[in-house]
Amino acid sequence: MFLQKDNTKLGIILGLLAPLAGIFGFYLWRFQRLTITEFIQYLGIEKHLITAMLSFALLANAIVFTLYINTRKDKTAKGIFVVTVIYAIGVLLLKLFY
């Protein structure tokens, strides 16, 4: 199965997709009464929610990272970690300058 492989490219792909699942989870948890368009518009108004949402997205990456570390798929975990660090730096910069 594709997800059972141990390679860095898979980790990068998972590292990019898991935050999207985290953002969708944040939407369902806090704003499911809004349409996606309304949700995006609301984020434009309430900018402080953007960092909360992105932190939730990074939590999704941490969960996937932990799963791959625990199954000793170190190359895949390395790819997830690299993408997570890039996301985290982006969140910090966004928090500082936005």
PDB file of N, CA and C in Angstrom:
ATOM      1  N   MET A   1       0.837  -1.185   0.000  1.00  0.00           N
ATOM      2  CA  MET A   1       0.000   0.000   0.000  1.00  0.00           C
ATOM      3  C   MET A   1       0.882   1.249   0.000  1.00  0.00           C
ATOM      4  N   PHE A   2       0.424   2.283  -0.647  1.00  0.00           N
ATOM      5  CA  PHE A   2       1.199   3.515  -0.824  1.00  0.00           C
ATOM      6  C   PHE A   2       1.603   4.144   0.506  1.00  0.00           C
ATOM      7  N   LEU A   3       0.706   4.168   1.477  1.00  0.00           N
ATOM      8  CA  LEU A   3       0.994   4.823   2.753  1.00  0.00           C
ATOM      9  C   LEU A   3       1.938   4.018   3.636  1.00  0.00           C
ATOM     10  N   GLN A   4       2.216   2.779   3.276  1.00  0.00           N
ATOM     11  CA  GLN A   4       3.121   1.940   4.050  1.00  0.00           C
ATOM     12  C   GLN A   4       4.580   2.140   3.651  1.00  0.00           C
ATOM     13  N   LYS A   5       4.828   2.831   2.551  1.00  0.00           N
ATOM     14  CA  LYS A   5       6.191   3.049   2.090  1.00  0.00           C
ATOM     15  C   LYS A   5       6.932   3.965   3.059  1.00  0.00           C
ATOM     16  N   ASP A   6       8.234   3.885   2.999  1.00  0.00           N
ATOM     17  CA  ASP A   6       9.082   4.737   3.828  1.00  0.00           C
ATOM     18  C   ASP A   6       9.976   5.553   2.915  1.00  0.00           C
ATOM     19  N   ASN A   7       9.469   6.695   2.488  1.00  0.00           N
ATOM     20  CA  ASN A   7      10.304   7.585   1.690  1.00  0.00           C
ATOM     21  C   ASN A   7       9.944   9.039   1.953  1.00  0.00           C
ATOM     22  N   THR A   8      10.895   9.901   1.694  1.00  0.00           N
ATOM     23  CA  THR A   8      10.759  11.317   2.009  1.00  0.00           C
ATOM     24  C   THR A   8       9.680  11.991   1.171  1.00  0.00           C
ATOM     25  N   LYS A   9       9.539  11.603  -0.097  1.00  0.00           N
ATOM     26  CA  LYS A   9       8.509  12.216  -0.945  1.00  0.00           C
ATOM     27  C   LYS A   9       7.122  11.985  -0.382  1.00  0.00           C
ATOM     28  N   LEU A  10       6.851  10.780   0.097  1.00  0.00           N
ATOM     29  CA  LEU A  10       5.567  10.486   0.728  1.00  0.00           C
ATOM     30  C   LEU A  10       5.370  11.375   1.949  1.00  0.00           C
ATOM     31  N   GLY A  11       6.421  11.570   2.729  1.00  0.00           N
ATOM     32  CA  GLY A  11       6.352  12.440   3.901  1.00  0.00           C
ATOM     33  C   GLY A  11       6.023  13.872   3.540  1.00  0.00           C
ATOM     34  N   ILE A  12       6.620  14.352   2.465  1.00  0.00           N
ATOM     35  CA  ILE A  12       6.340  15.727   2.018  1.00  0.00           C
ATOM     36  C   ILE A  12       4.887  15.846   1.576  1.00  0.00           C
ATOM     37  N   ILE A  13       4.408  14.858   0.837  1.00  0.00           N
ATOM     38  CA  ILE A  13       3.004  14.878   0.391  1.00  0.00           C
ATOM     39  C   ILE A  13       2.066  14.848   1.593  1.00  0.00           C
ATOM     40  N   LEU A  14       2.329  13.948   2.532  1.00  0.00           N
ATOM     41  CA  LEU A  14       1.488  13.875   3.726  1.00  0.00           C
ATOM     42  C   LEU A  14       1.600  15.149   4.556  1.00  0.00           C
ATOM     43  N   GLY A  15       2.799  15.704   4.617  1.00  0.00           N
ATOM     44  CA  GLY A  15       3.009  16.951   5.354  1.00  0.00           C
ATOM     45  C   GLY A  15       2.261  18.125   4.750  1.00  0.00           C
ATOM     46  N   LEU A  16       2.032  18.076   3.454  1.00  0.00           N
ATOM     47  CA  LEU A  16       1.259  19.135   2.800  1.00  0.00           C
ATOM     48  C   LEU A  16      -0.244  18.902   2.909  1.00  0.00           C
ATOM     49  N   LEU A  17      -0.672  17.636   2.920  1.00  0.00           N
ATOM     50  CA  LEU A  17      -2.107  17.321   2.942  1.00  0.00           C
ATOM     51  C   LEU A  17      -2.710  17.313   4.345  1.00  0.00           C
ATOM     52  N   ALA A  18      -1.962  16.878   5.343  1.00  0.00           N
ATOM     53  CA  ALA A  18      -2.499  16.796   6.709  1.00  0.00           C
ATOM     54  C   ALA A  18      -2.979  18.154   7.227  1.00  0.00           C
ATOM     55  N   PRO A  19      -2.258  19.248   6.982  1.00  0.00           N
ATOM     56  CA  PRO A  19      -2.765  20.539   7.445  1.00  0.00           C
ATOM     57  C   PRO A  19      -4.101  20.929   6.795  1.00  0.00           C
ATOM     58  N   LEU A  20      -4.295  20.512   5.557  1.00  0.00           N
ATOM     59  CA  LEU A  20      -5.585  20.792   4.922  1.00  0.00           C
ATOM     60  C   LEU A  20      -6.708  20.083   5.671  1.00  0.00           C
ATOM     61  N   ALA A  21      -6.441  18.858   6.100  1.00  0.00           N
ATOM     62  CA  ALA A  21      -7.416  18.132   6.909  1.00  0.00           C
ATOM     63  C   ALA A  21      -7.606  18.836   8.250  1.00  0.00           C
ATOM     64  N   GLY A  22      -6.530  19.362   8.817  1.00  0.00           N
ATOM     65  CA  GLY A  22      -6.624  20.109  10.073  1.00  0.00           C
ATOM     66  C   GLY A  22      -7.433  21.381   9.931  1.00  0.00           C
ATOM     67  N   ILE A  23      -7.245  22.084   8.827  1.00  0.00           N
ATOM     68  CA  ILE A  23      -8.019  23.306   8.577  1.00  0.00           C
ATOM     69  C   ILE A  23      -9.491  22.964   8.399  1.00  0.00           C
ATOM     70  N   PHE A  24      -9.770  21.887   7.686  1.00  0.00           N
ATOM     71  CA  PHE A  24     -11.152  21.463   7.507  1.00  0.00           C
ATOM     72  C   PHE A  24     -11.755  21.045   8.848  1.00  0.00           C
ATOM     73  N   GLY A  25     -10.971  20.380   9.684  1.00  0.00           N
ATOM     74  CA  GLY A  25     -11.436  20.009  11.021  1.00  0.00           C
ATOM     75  C   GLY A  25     -11.738  21.240  11.868  1.00  0.00           C
ATOM     76  N   PHE A  26     -10.890  22.260  11.765  1.00  0.00           N
ATOM     77  CA  PHE A  26     -11.128  23.521  12.477  1.00  0.00           C
ATOM     78  C   PHE A  26     -12.424  24.153  12.008  1.00  0.00           C
ATOM     79  N   TYR A  27     -12.639  24.149  10.712  1.00  0.00           N
ATOM     80  CA  TYR A  27     -13.878  24.689  10.140  1.00  0.00           C
ATOM     81  C   TYR A  27     -15.094  23.937  10.688  1.00  0.00           C
ATOM     82  N   LEU A  28     -15.032  22.612  10.677  1.00  0.00           N
ATOM     83  CA  LEU A  28     -16.158  21.813  11.174  1.00  0.00           C
ATOM     84  C   LEU A  28     -16.379  22.011  12.673  1.00  0.00           C
ATOM     85  N   TRP A  29     -15.296  22.159  13.418  1.00  0.00           N
ATOM     86  CA  TRP A  29     -15.382  22.300  14.867  1.00  0.00           C
ATOM     87  C   TRP A  29     -15.979  23.638  15.284  1.00  0.00           C
ATOM     88  N   ARG A  30     -15.556  24.724  14.628  1.00  0.00           N
ATOM     89  CA  ARG A  30     -15.962  26.050  15.072  1.00  0.00           C
ATOM     90  C   ARG A  30     -16.967  26.764  14.174  1.00  0.00           C
ATOM     91  N   PHE A  31     -17.002  26.440  12.881  1.00  0.00           N
ATOM     92  CA  PHE A  31     -17.749  27.279  11.948  1.00  0.00           C
ATOM     93  C   PHE A  31     -18.606  26.497  10.961  1.00  0.00           C
ATOM     94  N   GLN A  32     -19.063  25.339  11.309  1.00  0.00           N
ATOM     95  CA  GLN A  32     -19.803  24.524  10.355  1.00  0.00           C
ATOM     96  C   GLN A  32     -21.114  25.175   9.928  1.00  0.00           C
ATOM     97  N   ARG A  33     -21.593  26.155  10.673  1.00  0.00           N
ATOM     98  CA  ARG A  33     -22.828  26.843  10.285  1.00  0.00           C
ATOM     99  C   ARG A  33     -22.606  27.799   9.104  1.00  0.00           C
ATOM    100  N   LEU A  34     -21.350  28.117   8.825  1.00  0.00           N
ATOM    101  CA  LEU A  34     -21.014  29.002   7.710  1.00  0.00           C
ATOM    102  C   LEU A  34     -20.662  28.172   6.479  1.00  0.00           C
ATOM    103  N   THR A  35     -20.880  28.758   5.315  1.00  0.00           N
ATOM    104  CA  THR A  35     -20.374  28.128   4.098  1.00  0.00           C
ATOM    105  C   THR A  35     -18.857  28.343   4.059  1.00  0.00           C
ATOM    106  N   ILE A  36     -18.182  27.622   3.199  1.00  0.00           N
ATOM    107  CA  ILE A  36     -16.726  27.786   3.078  1.00  0.00           C
ATOM    108  C   ILE A  36     -16.383  29.224   2.694  1.00  0.00           C
ATOM    109  N   THR A  37     -17.148  29.798   1.783  1.00  0.00           N
ATOM    110  CA  THR A  37     -16.912  31.185   1.351  1.00  0.00           C
ATOM    111  C   THR A  37     -17.085  32.148   2.514  1.00  0.00           C
ATOM    112  N   GLU A  38     -18.133  31.974   3.289  1.00  0.00           N
ATOM    113  CA  GLU A  38     -18.367  32.839   4.452  1.00  0.00           C
ATOM    114  C   GLU A  38     -17.254  32.663   5.484  1.00  0.00           C
ATOM    115  N   PHE A  39     -16.805  31.430   5.637  1.00  0.00           N
ATOM    116  CA  PHE A  39     -15.716  31.137   6.566  1.00  0.00           C
ATOM    117  C   PHE A  39     -14.448  31.888   6.165  1.00  0.00           C
ATOM    118  N   ILE A  40     -14.110  31.848   4.892  1.00  0.00           N
ATOM    119  CA  ILE A  40     -12.910  32.549   4.406  1.00  0.00           C
ATOM    120  C   ILE A  40     -13.058  34.055   4.586  1.00  0.00           C
ATOM    121  N   GLN A  41     -14.246  34.582   4.302  1.00  0.00           N
ATOM    122  CA  GLN A  41     -14.490  36.005   4.512  1.00  0.00           C
ATOM    123  C   GLN A  41     -14.372  36.372   5.994  1.00  0.00           C
ATOM    124  N   TYR A  42     -14.883  35.519   6.858  1.00  0.00           N
ATOM    125  CA  TYR A  42     -14.806  35.760   8.292  1.00  0.00           C
ATOM    126  C   TYR A  42     -13.357  35.757   8.768  1.00  0.00           C
ATOM    127  N   LEU A  43     -12.552  34.876   8.209  1.00  0.00           N
ATOM    128  CA  LEU A  43     -11.134  34.864   8.561  1.00  0.00           C
ATOM    129  C   LEU A  43     -10.462  36.173   8.158  1.00  0.00           C
ATOM    130  N   GLY A  44     -10.913  36.774   7.058  1.00  0.00           N
ATOM    131  CA  GLY A  44     -10.381  38.062   6.634  1.00  0.00           C
ATOM    132  C   GLY A  44     -10.722  39.175   7.608  1.00  0.00           C
ATOM    133  N   ILE A  45     -11.865  39.054   8.267  1.00  0.00           N
ATOM    134  CA  ILE A  45     -12.294  40.058   9.244  1.00  0.00           C
ATOM    135  C   ILE A  45     -11.634  39.813  10.599  1.00  0.00           C
ATOM    136  N   GLU A  46     -11.685  38.582  11.050  1.00  0.00           N
ATOM    137  CA  GLU A  46     -11.123  38.193  12.349  1.00  0.00           C
ATOM    138  C   GLU A  46      -9.761  37.541  12.141  1.00  0.00           C
ATOM    139  N   LYS A  47      -8.760  38.353  11.900  1.00  0.00           N
ATOM    140  CA  LYS A  47      -7.440  37.862  11.518  1.00  0.00           C
ATOM    141  C   LYS A  47      -6.766  37.012  12.598  1.00  0.00           C
ATOM    142  N   HIS A  48      -7.130  37.227  13.859  1.00  0.00           N
ATOM    143  CA  HIS A  48      -6.515  36.443  14.929  1.00  0.00           C
ATOM    144  C   HIS A  48      -6.879  34.958  14.825  1.00  0.00           C
ATOM    145  N   LEU A  49      -7.959  34.645  14.132  1.00  0.00           N
ATOM    146  CA  LEU A  49      -8.355  33.248  13.972  1.00  0.00           C
ATOM    147  C   LEU A  49      -7.465  32.494  12.984  1.00  0.00           C
ATOM    148  N   ILE A  50      -6.775  33.235  12.132  1.00  0.00           N
ATOM    149  CA  ILE A  50      -5.910  32.592  11.139  1.00  0.00           C
ATOM    150  C   ILE A  50      -4.795  31.811  11.834  1.00  0.00           C
ATOM    151  N   THR A  51      -4.150  32.420  12.829  1.00  0.00           N
ATOM    152  CA  THR A  51      -3.080  31.704  13.514  1.00  0.00           C
ATOM    153  C   THR A  51      -3.629  30.531  14.325  1.00  0.00           C
ATOM    154  N   ALA A  52      -4.805  30.679  14.896  1.00  0.00           N
ATOM    155  CA  ALA A  52      -5.420  29.556  15.617  1.00  0.00           C
ATOM    156  C   ALA A  52      -5.707  28.413  14.652  1.00  0.00           C
ATOM    157  N   MET A  53      -6.227  28.745  13.495  1.00  0.00           N
ATOM    158  CA  MET A  53      -6.542  27.733  12.495  1.00  0.00           C
ATOM    159  C   MET A  53      -5.262  27.042  12.008  1.00  0.00           C
ATOM    160  N   LEU A  54      -4.225  27.814  11.766  1.00  0.00           N
ATOM    161  CA  LEU A  54      -2.973  27.222  11.293  1.00  0.00           C
ATOM    162  C   LEU A  54      -2.298  26.384  12.377  1.00  0.00           C
ATOM    163  N   SER A  55      -2.468  26.765  13.620  1.00  0.00           N
ATOM    164  CA  SER A  55      -1.950  25.941  14.711  1.00  0.00           C
ATOM    165  C   SER A  55      -2.686  24.612  14.752  1.00  0.00           C
ATOM    166  N   PHE A  56      -3.972  24.632  14.508  1.00  0.00           N
ATOM    167  CA  PHE A  56      -4.777  23.413  14.440  1.00  0.00           C
ATOM    168  C   PHE A  56      -4.285  22.548  13.272  1.00  0.00           C
ATOM    169  N   ALA A  57      -3.937  23.190  12.166  1.00  0.00           N
ATOM    170  CA  ALA A  57      -3.418  22.469  11.007  1.00  0.00           C
ATOM    171  C   ALA A  57      -2.085  21.788  11.342  1.00  0.00           C
ATOM    172  N   LEU A  58      -1.238  22.481  12.091  1.00  0.00           N
ATOM    173  CA  LEU A  58       0.038  21.891  12.488  1.00  0.00           C
ATOM    174  C   LEU A  58      -0.159  20.720  13.450  1.00  0.00           C
ATOM    175  N   LEU A  59      -1.215  20.771  14.233  1.00  0.00           N
ATOM    176  CA  LEU A  59      -1.531  19.649  15.112  1.00  0.00           C
ATOM    177  C   LEU A  59      -1.819  18.397  14.283  1.00  0.00           C
ATOM    178  N   ALA A  60      -2.498  18.564  13.166  1.00  0.00           N
ATOM    179  CA  ALA A  60      -2.766  17.429  12.270  1.00  0.00           C
ATOM    180  C   ALA A  60      -1.451  16.843  11.758  1.00  0.00           C
ATOM    181  N   ASN A  61      -0.503  17.704  11.430  1.00  0.00           N
ATOM    182  CA  ASN A  61       0.807  17.214  10.992  1.00  0.00           C
ATOM    183  C   ASN A  61       1.523  16.481  12.121  1.00  0.00           C
ATOM    184  N   ALA A  62       1.401  16.980  13.329  1.00  0.00           N
ATOM    185  CA  ALA A  62       2.049  16.331  14.472  1.00  0.00           C
ATOM    186  C   ALA A  62       1.489  14.930  14.689  1.00  0.00           C
ATOM    187  N   ILE A  63       0.198  14.761  14.484  1.00  0.00           N
ATOM    188  CA  ILE A  63      -0.421  13.440  14.640  1.00  0.00           C
ATOM    189  C   ILE A  63       0.114  12.475  13.587  1.00  0.00           C
ATOM    190  N   VAL A  64       0.157  12.926  12.334  1.00  0.00           N
ATOM    191  CA  VAL A  64       0.669  12.068  11.254  1.00  0.00           C
ATOM    192  C   VAL A  64       2.151  11.760  11.479  1.00  0.00           C
ATOM    193  N   PHE A  65       2.911  12.765  11.891  1.00  0.00           N
ATOM    194  CA  PHE A  65       4.335  12.572  12.194  1.00  0.00           C
ATOM    195  C   PHE A  65       4.521  11.510  13.275  1.00  0.00           C
ATOM    196  N   THR A  66       3.739  11.602  14.336  1.00  0.00           N
ATOM    197  CA  THR A  66       3.833  10.642  15.436  1.00  0.00           C
ATOM    198  C   THR A  66       3.509   9.228  14.971  1.00  0.00           C
ATOM    199  N   LEU A  67       2.496   9.088  14.131  1.00  0.00           N
ATOM    200  CA  LEU A  67       2.147   7.768  13.607  1.00  0.00           C
ATOM    201  C   LEU A  67       3.314   7.148  12.839  1.00  0.00           C
ATOM    202  N   TYR A  68       3.978   7.944  12.025  1.00  0.00           N
ATOM    203  CA  TYR A  68       5.084   7.411  11.231  1.00  0.00           C
ATOM    204  C   TYR A  68       6.341   7.176  12.066  1.00  0.00           C
ATOM    205  N   ILE A  69       6.568   7.985  13.076  1.00  0.00           N
ATOM    206  CA  ILE A  69       7.704   7.741  13.978  1.00  0.00           C
ATOM    207  C   ILE A  69       7.482   6.437  14.740  1.00  0.00           C
ATOM    208  N   ASN A  70       6.258   6.239  15.232  1.00  0.00           N
ATOM    209  CA  ASN A  70       5.963   5.032  16.018  1.00  0.00           C
ATOM    210  C   ASN A  70       6.024   3.750  15.197  1.00  0.00           C
ATOM    211  N   THR A  71       5.818   3.854  13.887  1.00  0.00           N
ATOM    212  CA  THR A  71       5.932   2.673  13.029  1.00  0.00           C
ATOM    213  C   THR A  71       7.322   2.569  12.386  1.00  0.00           C
ATOM    214  N   ARG A  72       8.232   3.400  12.846  1.00  0.00           N
ATOM    215  CA  ARG A  72       9.637   3.399  12.405  1.00  0.00           C
ATOM    216  C   ARG A  72       9.800   3.661  10.902  1.00  0.00           C
ATOM    217  N   LYS A  73       8.946   4.490  10.375  1.00  0.00           N
ATOM    218  CA  LYS A  73       9.071   4.934   8.981  1.00  0.00           C
ATOM    219  C   LYS A  73       9.771   6.298   9.019  1.00  0.00           C
ATOM    220  N   ASP A  74      11.075   6.249   9.272  1.00  0.00           N
ATOM    221  CA  ASP A  74      11.831   7.458   9.564  1.00  0.00           C
ATOM    222  C   ASP A  74      11.976   8.407   8.382  1.00  0.00           C
ATOM    223  N   LYS A  75      12.118   7.888   7.182  1.00  0.00           N
ATOM    224  CA  LYS A  75      12.247   8.759   6.013  1.00  0.00           C
ATOM    225  C   LYS A  75      10.947   9.528   5.774  1.00  0.00           C
ATOM    226  N   THR A  76       9.828   8.854   5.909  1.00  0.00           N
ATOM    227  CA  THR A  76       8.532   9.515   5.734  1.00  0.00           C
ATOM    228  C   THR A  76       8.338  10.557   6.829  1.00  0.00           C
ATOM    229  N   ALA A  77       8.685  10.189   8.060  1.00  0.00           N
ATOM    230  CA  ALA A  77       8.565  11.130   9.180  1.00  0.00           C
ATOM    231  C   ALA A  77       9.449  12.348   8.954  1.00  0.00           C
ATOM    232  N   LYS A  78      10.610  12.143   8.373  1.00  0.00           N
ATOM    233  CA  LYS A  78      11.522  13.256   8.081  1.00  0.00           C
ATOM    234  C   LYS A  78      10.875  14.241   7.097  1.00  0.00           C
ATOM    235  N   GLY A  79      10.220  13.732   6.064  1.00  0.00           N
ATOM    236  CA  GLY A  79       9.528  14.605   5.107  1.00  0.00           C
ATOM    237  C   GLY A  79       8.397  15.386   5.763  1.00  0.00           C
ATOM    238  N   ILE A  80       7.650  14.711   6.624  1.00  0.00           N
ATOM    239  CA  ILE A  80       6.564  15.383   7.346  1.00  0.00           C
ATOM    240  C   ILE A  80       7.146  16.465   8.243  1.00  0.00           C
ATOM    241  N   PHE A  81       8.235  16.153   8.916  1.00  0.00           N
ATOM    242  CA  PHE A  81       8.858  17.109   9.820  1.00  0.00           C
ATOM    243  C   PHE A  81       9.339  18.355   9.085  1.00  0.00           C
ATOM    244  N   VAL A  82       9.965  18.170   7.934  1.00  0.00           N
ATOM    245  CA  VAL A  82      10.471  19.312   7.154  1.00  0.00           C
ATOM    246  C   VAL A  82       9.325  20.247   6.775  1.00  0.00           C
ATOM    247  N   VAL A  83       8.235  19.687   6.284  1.00  0.00           N
ATOM    248  CA  VAL A  83       7.085  20.510   5.903  1.00  0.00           C
ATOM    249  C   VAL A  83       6.477  21.177   7.140  1.00  0.00           C
ATOM    250  N   THR A  84       6.429  20.464   8.260  1.00  0.00           N
ATOM    251  CA  THR A  84       5.889  21.028   9.493  1.00  0.00           C
ATOM    252  C   THR A  84       6.709  22.222   9.948  1.00  0.00           C
ATOM    253  N   VAL A  85       8.019  22.124   9.865  1.00  0.00           N
ATOM    254  CA  VAL A  85       8.889  23.240  10.248  1.00  0.00           C
ATOM    255  C   VAL A  85       8.636  24.451   9.344  1.00  0.00           C
ATOM    256  N   ILE A  86       8.481  24.204   8.049  1.00  0.00           N
ATOM    257  CA  ILE A  86       8.200  25.305   7.119  1.00  0.00           C
ATOM    258  C   ILE A  86       6.862  25.960   7.454  1.00  0.00           C
ATOM    259  N   TYR A  87       5.834  25.144   7.710  1.00  0.00           N
ATOM    260  CA  TYR A  87       4.539  25.678   8.132  1.00  0.00           C
ATOM    261  C   TYR A  87       4.672  26.478   9.423  1.00  0.00           C
ATOM    262  N   ALA A  88       5.412  25.933  10.390  1.00  0.00           N
ATOM    263  CA  ALA A  88       5.551  26.587  11.696  1.00  0.00           C
ATOM    264  C   ALA A  88       6.241  27.944  11.558  1.00  0.00           C
ATOM    265  N   ILE A  89       7.266  28.007  10.730  1.00  0.00           N
ATOM    266  CA  ILE A  89       7.935  29.287  10.493  1.00  0.00           C
ATOM    267  C   ILE A  89       6.962  30.268   9.857  1.00  0.00           C
ATOM    268  N   GLY A  90       6.157  29.790   8.909  1.00  0.00           N
ATOM    269  CA  GLY A  90       5.146  30.648   8.293  1.00  0.00           C
ATOM    270  C   GLY A  90       4.134  31.161   9.300  1.00  0.00           C
ATOM    271  N   VAL A  91       3.703  30.298  10.218  1.00  0.00           N
ATOM    272  CA  VAL A  91       2.741  30.719  11.244  1.00  0.00           C
ATOM    273  C   VAL A  91       3.365  31.767  12.161  1.00  0.00           C
ATOM    274  N   LEU A  92       4.620  31.554  12.555  1.00  0.00           N
ATOM    275  CA  LEU A  92       5.294  32.533  13.409  1.00  0.00           C
ATOM    276  C   LEU A  92       5.451  33.877  12.704  1.00  0.00           C
ATOM    277  N   LEU A  93       5.852  33.846  11.445  1.00  0.00           N
ATOM    278  CA  LEU A  93       5.984  35.090  10.684  1.00  0.00           C
ATOM    279  C   LEU A  93       4.634  35.783  10.516  1.00  0.00           C
ATOM    280  N   LEU A  94       3.615  35.014  10.269  1.00  0.00           N
ATOM    281  CA  LEU A  94       2.269  35.568  10.146  1.00  0.00           C
ATOM    282  C   LEU A  94       1.841  36.208  11.453  1.00  0.00           C
ATOM    283  N   LYS A  95       2.137  35.549  12.556  1.00  0.00           N
ATOM    284  CA  LYS A  95       1.781  36.079  13.869  1.00  0.00           C
ATOM    285  C   LYS A  95       2.538  37.373  14.164  1.00  0.00           C
ATOM    286  N   LEU A  96       3.787  37.439  13.760  1.00  0.00           N
ATOM    287  CA  LEU A  96       4.585  38.624  14.020  1.00  0.00           C
ATOM    288  C   LEU A  96       4.218  39.821  13.152  1.00  0.00           C
ATOM    289  N   PHE A  97       3.917  39.568  11.885  1.00  0.00           N
ATOM    290  CA  PHE A  97       3.755  40.674  10.937  1.00  0.00           C
ATOM    291  C   PHE A  97       2.346  40.930  10.459  1.00  0.00           C
ATOM    292  N   TYR A  98       1.377  40.114  10.864  1.00  0.00           N
ATOM    293  CA  TYR A  98       0.025  40.272  10.324  1.00  0.00           C
ATOM    294  C   TYR A  98      -0.906  40.796  11.358  1.00  0.00           C
TER     295      TYR A  98
END
